[in-house]
Amino acid sequence: MVKIGQSLLQRDAPGAVEYRFGFHQPPFNSVSHLHLHCFALPYIPRWKKIKYLSFGPLGGFIEADDLLKKIKPIDNNS
């Protein structure tokens, strides 16, 4: 999902300062299916940044890389 998002943003927003990818965590998710948020930054208008803040263990927004680290399978062969 992230690779596709990166590809689309590079195509559609090549002048962006930065890209951001992530997911809403319960109880802050508004739909019940998994979907990736892909952003070309900076946020316009700037107040939209608030909607995508992380509240740590309380939920909110989690960066895609952080989520992938959390769910990465443990290698039992090491």
Protein backbone atom coordinates (compact mmCIF):
# COMPACT_ATOMS: atom_id res chain seq x y z
CA MET A 1 0.00 0.00 0.00
CA VAL A 2 2.78 2.43 0.92
CA LYS A 3 4.70 1.77 -2.30
CA ILE A 4 1.61 2.48 -4.37
CA GLY A 5 0.92 5.65 -2.34
CA GLN A 6 4.51 6.82 -2.85
CA SER A 7 4.27 6.22 -6.56
CA LEU A 8 0.98 8.11 -6.87
CA LEU A 9 2.18 11.09 -4.82
CA GLN A 10 5.45 11.33 -6.75
CA ARG A 11 3.38 11.40 -9.94
CA ASP A 12 0.62 13.75 -8.72
CA ALA A 13 2.54 16.03 -6.31
CA PRO A 14 6.18 16.04 -7.45
CA GLY A 15 6.84 19.45 -5.89
CA ALA A 16 5.78 18.46 -2.37
CA VAL A 17 8.20 19.25 0.44
CA GLU A 18 7.53 15.91 2.16
CA TYR A 19 5.19 12.92 1.99
CA ARG A 20 3.38 11.28 4.92
CA PHE A 21 1.64 7.90 5.09
CA GLY A 22 -0.41 6.41 7.89
CA PHE A 23 -3.60 5.11 9.42
CA HIS A 24 -6.19 6.25 11.95
CA GLN A 25 -6.33 4.06 15.07
CA PRO A 26 -9.46 3.27 17.06
CA PRO A 27 -11.30 5.00 18.58
CA PHE A 28 -10.42 7.79 16.13
CA ASN A 29 -11.24 5.94 12.93
CA SER A 30 -14.40 7.05 11.16
CA VAL A 31 -14.80 4.07 8.80
CA SER A 32 -14.51 0.37 9.58
CA HIS A 33 -12.21 -0.67 6.73
CA LEU A 34 -8.45 -0.41 6.40
CA HIS A 35 -7.26 2.45 4.21
CA LEU A 36 -3.97 4.28 3.94
CA HIS A 37 -3.81 8.07 4.15
CA CYS A 38 -1.23 9.56 1.75
CA PHE A 39 -0.31 13.22 2.12
CA ALA A 40 1.81 15.63 0.13
CA LEU A 41 2.99 18.16 2.70
CA PRO A 42 2.68 20.85 3.90
CA TYR A 43 -0.96 20.60 4.95
CA ILE A 44 -3.21 23.22 3.36
CA PRO A 45 -4.95 24.62 5.32
CA ARG A 46 -2.50 24.20 8.19
CA TRP A 47 -5.19 23.35 10.78
CA LYS A 48 -5.76 19.99 9.01
CA LYS A 49 -2.56 18.79 10.68
CA ILE A 50 -4.54 18.40 13.92
CA LYS A 51 -6.69 15.64 12.42
CA TYR A 52 -3.59 13.50 11.86
CA LEU A 53 -1.86 13.74 15.26
CA SER A 54 -0.74 10.70 17.18
CA PHE A 55 -1.95 10.22 20.74
CA GLY A 56 0.43 7.33 21.40
CA PRO A 57 -1.27 4.43 23.20
CA LEU A 58 -4.57 6.32 23.19
CA GLY A 59 -4.89 6.05 19.41
CA GLY A 60 -5.12 8.77 16.84
CA PHE A 61 -2.94 8.56 13.76
CA ILE A 62 -0.04 6.13 13.34
CA GLU A 63 2.65 6.49 10.72
CA ALA A 64 2.75 3.57 8.28
CA ASP A 65 6.41 2.80 9.10
CA ASP A 66 5.65 2.68 12.84
CA LEU A 67 2.73 0.31 12.28
CA LEU A 68 4.84 -1.97 10.07
CA LYS A 69 7.48 -2.16 12.83
CA LYS A 70 4.77 -3.14 15.35
CA ILE A 71 3.31 -5.94 13.23
CA LYS A 72 6.55 -7.28 11.76
CA PRO A 73 6.74 -11.03 12.41
CA ILE A 74 9.40 -12.24 14.80
CA ASP A 75 12.11 -14.27 13.07
CA ASN A 76 12.47 -17.43 15.18
CA ASN A 77 15.44 -18.63 13.09
CA SER A 78 17.82 -15.96 14.49
